[in-house]
Amino acid sequence: MPRTLYTDLELTNEEEFLAAHPEFVGLEGHDLMLKRLEDEAEQRVELESRRKDLANRRIATQADSKKRKNDLDNLTETLKKFIEVQLLISRHVC
């Protein structure tokens, strides 16, 4: 088979493709390759969409984590001040 651009693509093999898409059984050669390439393009679009969604979720999770860390840091400072005040009050009461 002459080497062309699409022969370097790692496509699902014909048997797996036809098992997943029985409507294309009977197609041969160029027509079958076009359907396989269309399927590959659809899969790549779907995977890219999922990748972007996961990247956005990761960014949101990182932002949430940073906010929670800041909240905990602020809580620690508030707790330290509360303890200092309680110690001062207990010294004056006793």
N, C-alpha and C. Protein backbone atom coordinates (compact mmCIF):
# COMPACT_ATOMS: atom_id res chain seq x y z
N MET A 1 0.85 -1.17 0.00
CA MET A 1 0.00 0.00 0.00
C MET A 1 0.90 1.24 0.00
N PRO A 2 0.62 2.19 -0.88
CA PRO A 2 1.45 3.40 -0.90
C PRO A 2 1.28 4.17 0.41
N ARG A 3 2.35 4.77 0.85
CA ARG A 3 2.33 5.50 2.12
C ARG A 3 1.68 6.87 1.88
N THR A 4 0.67 7.17 2.69
CA THR A 4 0.01 8.47 2.63
C THR A 4 -0.08 9.04 4.03
N LEU A 5 -0.58 10.24 4.11
CA LEU A 5 -0.66 10.92 5.40
C LEU A 5 -1.49 10.13 6.41
N TYR A 6 -2.63 9.62 5.99
CA TYR A 6 -3.50 8.95 6.95
C TYR A 6 -2.99 7.59 7.38
N THR A 7 -2.06 6.99 6.67
CA THR A 7 -1.57 5.67 7.09
C THR A 7 -0.72 5.77 8.35
N ASP A 8 -0.27 6.97 8.68
CA ASP A 8 0.51 7.16 9.91
C ASP A 8 -0.38 7.37 11.14
N LEU A 9 -1.69 7.58 10.93
CA LEU A 9 -2.61 7.74 12.06
C LEU A 9 -2.87 6.39 12.71
N GLU A 10 -2.95 6.42 14.02
CA GLU A 10 -3.28 5.20 14.74
C GLU A 10 -4.79 5.13 14.89
N LEU A 11 -5.42 4.48 13.94
CA LEU A 11 -6.88 4.34 13.96
C LEU A 11 -7.25 3.01 14.60
N THR A 12 -8.50 2.94 15.03
CA THR A 12 -9.04 1.67 15.48
C THR A 12 -8.95 0.70 14.31
N ASN A 13 -8.55 -0.53 14.55
CA ASN A 13 -8.43 -1.45 13.42
C ASN A 13 -9.81 -1.71 12.81
N GLU A 14 -9.81 -2.20 11.58
CA GLU A 14 -11.06 -2.37 10.84
C GLU A 14 -12.06 -3.26 11.56
N GLU A 15 -11.58 -4.36 12.14
CA GLU A 15 -12.50 -5.29 12.82
C GLU A 15 -13.21 -4.60 13.99
N GLU A 16 -12.46 -3.89 14.80
CA GLU A 16 -13.06 -3.19 15.94
C GLU A 16 -14.01 -2.09 15.47
N PHE A 17 -13.60 -1.36 14.43
CA PHE A 17 -14.44 -0.29 13.91
C PHE A 17 -15.77 -0.85 13.40
N LEU A 18 -15.70 -1.93 12.62
CA LEU A 18 -16.92 -2.52 12.07
C LEU A 18 -17.78 -3.15 13.15
N ALA A 19 -17.16 -3.67 14.20
CA ALA A 19 -17.93 -4.22 15.31
C ALA A 19 -18.68 -3.09 16.04
N ALA A 20 -18.06 -1.93 16.15
CA ALA A 20 -18.68 -0.80 16.81
C ALA A 20 -19.68 -0.07 15.90
N HIS A 21 -19.50 -0.22 14.59
CA HIS A 21 -20.34 0.47 13.60
C HIS A 21 -20.81 -0.51 12.53
N PRO A 22 -21.73 -1.39 12.88
CA PRO A 22 -22.17 -2.41 11.91
C PRO A 22 -22.84 -1.81 10.68
N GLU A 23 -23.27 -0.57 10.77
CA GLU A 23 -23.91 0.06 9.61
C GLU A 23 -22.94 0.26 8.44
N PHE A 24 -21.63 0.13 8.72
CA PHE A 24 -20.64 0.32 7.66
C PHE A 24 -20.09 -1.00 7.11
N VAL A 25 -20.60 -2.12 7.59
CA VAL A 25 -20.19 -3.42 7.06
C VAL A 25 -20.57 -3.44 5.58
N GLY A 26 -19.65 -3.84 4.75
CA GLY A 26 -19.89 -3.87 3.30
C GLY A 26 -19.14 -2.77 2.58
N LEU A 27 -18.78 -1.70 3.31
CA LEU A 27 -17.96 -0.66 2.69
C LEU A 27 -16.54 -1.18 2.55
N GLU A 28 -15.87 -0.74 1.53
CA GLU A 28 -14.50 -1.18 1.31
C GLU A 28 -13.64 0.01 0.94
N GLY A 29 -12.35 -0.21 1.04
CA GLY A 29 -11.35 0.73 0.54
C GLY A 29 -11.53 2.15 1.03
N HIS A 30 -11.62 3.03 0.04
CA HIS A 30 -11.65 4.47 0.31
C HIS A 30 -12.86 4.87 1.16
N ASP A 31 -14.03 4.34 0.84
CA ASP A 31 -15.24 4.70 1.60
C ASP A 31 -15.13 4.28 3.06
N LEU A 32 -14.61 3.09 3.29
CA LEU A 32 -14.43 2.62 4.67
C LEU A 32 -13.41 3.48 5.40
N MET A 33 -12.32 3.83 4.72
CA MET A 33 -11.29 4.67 5.35
C MET A 33 -11.87 6.03 5.70
N LEU A 34 -12.70 6.61 4.83
CA LEU A 34 -13.32 7.90 5.15
C LEU A 34 -14.18 7.80 6.40
N LYS A 35 -14.94 6.74 6.54
CA LYS A 35 -15.78 6.56 7.73
C LYS A 35 -14.91 6.38 8.98
N ARG A 36 -13.82 5.64 8.85
CA ARG A 36 -12.91 5.46 9.99
C ARG A 36 -12.28 6.79 10.38
N LEU A 37 -11.91 7.60 9.38
CA LEU A 37 -11.32 8.91 9.67
C LEU A 37 -12.34 9.85 10.30
N GLU A 38 -13.58 9.81 9.82
CA GLU A 38 -14.64 10.62 10.43
C GLU A 38 -14.85 10.21 11.89
N ASP A 39 -14.86 8.91 12.12
CA ASP A 39 -15.02 8.40 13.48
C ASP A 39 -13.87 8.87 14.37
N GLU A 40 -12.67 8.80 13.85
CA GLU A 40 -11.49 9.26 14.60
C GLU A 40 -11.62 10.75 14.93
N ALA A 41 -12.04 11.54 13.95
CA ALA A 41 -12.21 12.98 14.18
C ALA A 41 -13.26 13.24 15.26
N GLU A 42 -14.37 12.50 15.22
CA GLU A 42 -15.41 12.66 16.23
C GLU A 42 -14.89 12.29 17.61
N GLN A 43 -14.13 11.21 17.69
CA GLN A 43 -13.58 10.80 18.98
C GLN A 43 -12.62 11.85 19.52
N ARG A 44 -11.81 12.42 18.63
CA ARG A 44 -10.85 13.44 19.08
C ARG A 44 -11.55 14.70 19.56
N VAL A 45 -12.63 15.10 18.86
CA VAL A 45 -13.40 16.27 19.30
C VAL A 45 -13.99 16.00 20.68
N GLU A 46 -14.55 14.81 20.87
CA GLU A 46 -15.14 14.45 22.17
C GLU A 46 -14.07 14.43 23.26
N LEU A 47 -12.93 13.84 22.96
CA LEU A 47 -11.85 13.78 23.95
C LEU A 47 -11.32 15.17 24.29
N GLU A 48 -11.22 16.04 23.29
CA GLU A 48 -10.76 17.40 23.55
C GLU A 48 -11.77 18.15 24.42
N SER A 49 -13.04 17.93 24.17
CA SER A 49 -14.08 18.54 24.99
C SER A 49 -13.97 18.06 26.44
N ARG A 50 -13.78 16.77 26.61
CA ARG A 50 -13.63 16.21 27.97
C ARG A 50 -12.36 16.73 28.64
N ARG A 51 -11.27 16.87 27.85
CA ARG A 51 -10.01 17.39 28.40
C ARG A 51 -10.20 18.82 28.91
N LYS A 52 -10.89 19.64 28.10
CA LYS A 52 -11.14 21.03 28.50
C LYS A 52 -12.02 21.09 29.75
N ASP A 53 -13.04 20.24 29.79
CA ASP A 53 -13.92 20.19 30.96
C ASP A 53 -13.14 19.82 32.21
N LEU A 54 -12.28 18.80 32.09
CA LEU A 54 -11.48 18.38 33.24
C LEU A 54 -10.48 19.46 33.65
N ALA A 55 -9.91 20.16 32.68
CA ALA A 55 -8.98 21.25 33.00
C ALA A 55 -9.71 22.36 33.74
N ASN A 56 -10.92 22.68 33.31
CA ASN A 56 -11.71 23.71 34.00
C ASN A 56 -12.08 23.27 35.41
N ARG A 57 -12.43 21.99 35.55
CA ARG A 57 -12.75 21.48 36.88
C ARG A 57 -11.52 21.51 37.78
N ARG A 58 -10.35 21.19 37.22
CA ARG A 58 -9.11 21.23 38.00
C ARG A 58 -8.84 22.65 38.48
N ILE A 59 -9.01 23.63 37.59
CA ILE A 59 -8.78 25.03 37.96
C ILE A 59 -9.75 25.46 39.05
N ALA A 60 -11.01 25.08 38.91
CA ALA A 60 -12.01 25.42 39.93
C ALA A 60 -11.69 24.76 41.26
N THR A 61 -11.24 23.51 41.21
CA THR A 61 -10.89 22.78 42.44
C THR A 61 -9.68 23.42 43.10
N GLN A 62 -8.70 23.83 42.31
CA GLN A 62 -7.52 24.49 42.87
C GLN A 62 -7.90 25.82 43.52
N ALA A 63 -8.80 26.57 42.87
CA ALA A 63 -9.23 27.85 43.43
C ALA A 63 -9.99 27.62 44.74
N ASP A 64 -10.85 26.61 44.75
CA ASP A 64 -11.60 26.30 45.97
C ASP A 64 -10.66 25.87 47.09
N SER A 65 -9.69 25.07 46.75
CA SER A 65 -8.72 24.60 47.74
C SER A 65 -7.93 25.78 48.31
N LYS A 66 -7.53 26.70 47.45
CA LYS A 66 -6.79 27.88 47.91
C LYS A 66 -7.65 28.73 48.83
N LYS A 67 -8.94 28.90 48.46
CA LYS A 67 -9.85 29.68 49.30
C LYS A 67 -10.02 29.02 50.66
N ARG A 68 -10.19 27.71 50.67
CA ARG A 68 -10.36 27.00 51.94
C ARG A 68 -9.10 27.10 52.80
N LYS A 69 -7.94 27.03 52.16
CA LYS A 69 -6.68 27.16 52.90
C LYS A 69 -6.60 28.55 53.53
N ASN A 70 -6.95 29.58 52.76
CA ASN A 70 -6.95 30.94 53.30
C ASN A 70 -7.94 31.07 54.45
N ASP A 71 -9.12 30.47 54.30
CA ASP A 71 -10.11 30.49 55.38
C ASP A 71 -9.55 29.84 56.64
N LEU A 72 -8.88 28.70 56.48
CA LEU A 72 -8.29 28.02 57.64
C LEU A 72 -7.18 28.85 58.27
N ASP A 73 -6.36 29.48 57.41
CA ASP A 73 -5.29 30.34 57.94
C ASP A 73 -5.89 31.49 58.74
N ASN A 74 -6.97 32.09 58.21
CA ASN A 74 -7.63 33.18 58.93
C ASN A 74 -8.26 32.68 60.22
N LEU A 75 -8.81 31.50 60.20
CA LEU A 75 -9.41 30.92 61.39
C LEU A 75 -8.35 30.69 62.46
N THR A 76 -7.18 30.25 62.05
CA THR A 76 -6.09 30.03 62.98
C THR A 76 -5.72 31.34 63.68
N GLU A 77 -5.62 32.42 62.89
CA GLU A 77 -5.29 33.72 63.48
C GLU A 77 -6.40 34.17 64.44
N THR A 78 -7.63 33.99 64.05
CA THR A 78 -8.76 34.37 64.91
C THR A 78 -8.75 33.56 66.19
N LEU A 79 -8.46 32.28 66.09
CA LEU A 79 -8.40 31.41 67.26
C LEU A 79 -7.27 31.83 68.20
N LYS A 80 -6.13 32.19 67.66
CA LYS A 80 -5.01 32.65 68.49
C LYS A 80 -5.40 33.90 69.26
N LYS A 81 -6.05 34.84 68.58
CA LYS A 81 -6.49 36.07 69.25
C LYS A 81 -7.52 35.77 70.33
N PHE A 82 -8.43 34.86 70.04
CA PHE A 82 -9.45 34.46 71.01
C PHE A 82 -8.79 33.88 72.26
N ILE A 83 -7.81 33.02 72.07
CA ILE A 83 -7.10 32.39 73.21
C ILE A 83 -6.38 33.46 74.02
N GLU A 84 -5.73 34.41 73.34
CA GLU A 84 -5.03 35.49 74.06
C GLU A 84 -6.00 36.30 74.92
N VAL A 85 -7.14 36.62 74.34
CA VAL A 85 -8.14 37.38 75.10
C VAL A 85 -8.66 36.57 76.28
N GLN A 86 -8.91 35.29 76.07
CA GLN A 86 -9.38 34.42 77.16
C GLN A 86 -8.35 34.35 78.28
N LEU A 87 -7.08 34.28 77.92
CA LEU A 87 -6.03 34.26 78.96
C LEU A 87 -6.01 35.56 79.73
N LEU A 88 -6.14 36.67 79.03
CA LEU A 88 -6.17 37.98 79.72
C LEU A 88 -7.36 38.07 80.66
N ILE A 89 -8.52 37.64 80.20
CA ILE A 89 -9.73 37.68 81.03
C ILE A 89 -9.57 36.77 82.25
N SER A 90 -9.03 35.57 82.04
CA SER A 90 -8.88 34.65 83.18
C SER A 90 -7.87 35.20 84.19
N ARG A 91 -6.89 35.93 83.76
CA ARG A 91 -5.92 36.52 84.68
C ARG A 91 -6.59 37.62 85.53
N HIS A 92 -7.47 38.39 84.92
CA HIS A 92 -8.14 39.48 85.63
C HIS A 92 -9.23 38.96 86.55
N VAL A 93 -9.85 37.86 86.23
CA VAL A 93 -10.92 37.30 87.05
C VAL A 93 -10.35 36.61 88.26
N CYS A 94 -9.27 35.93 88.10
CA CYS A 94 -8.68 35.15 89.21
C CYS A 94 -7.86 35.97 90.13
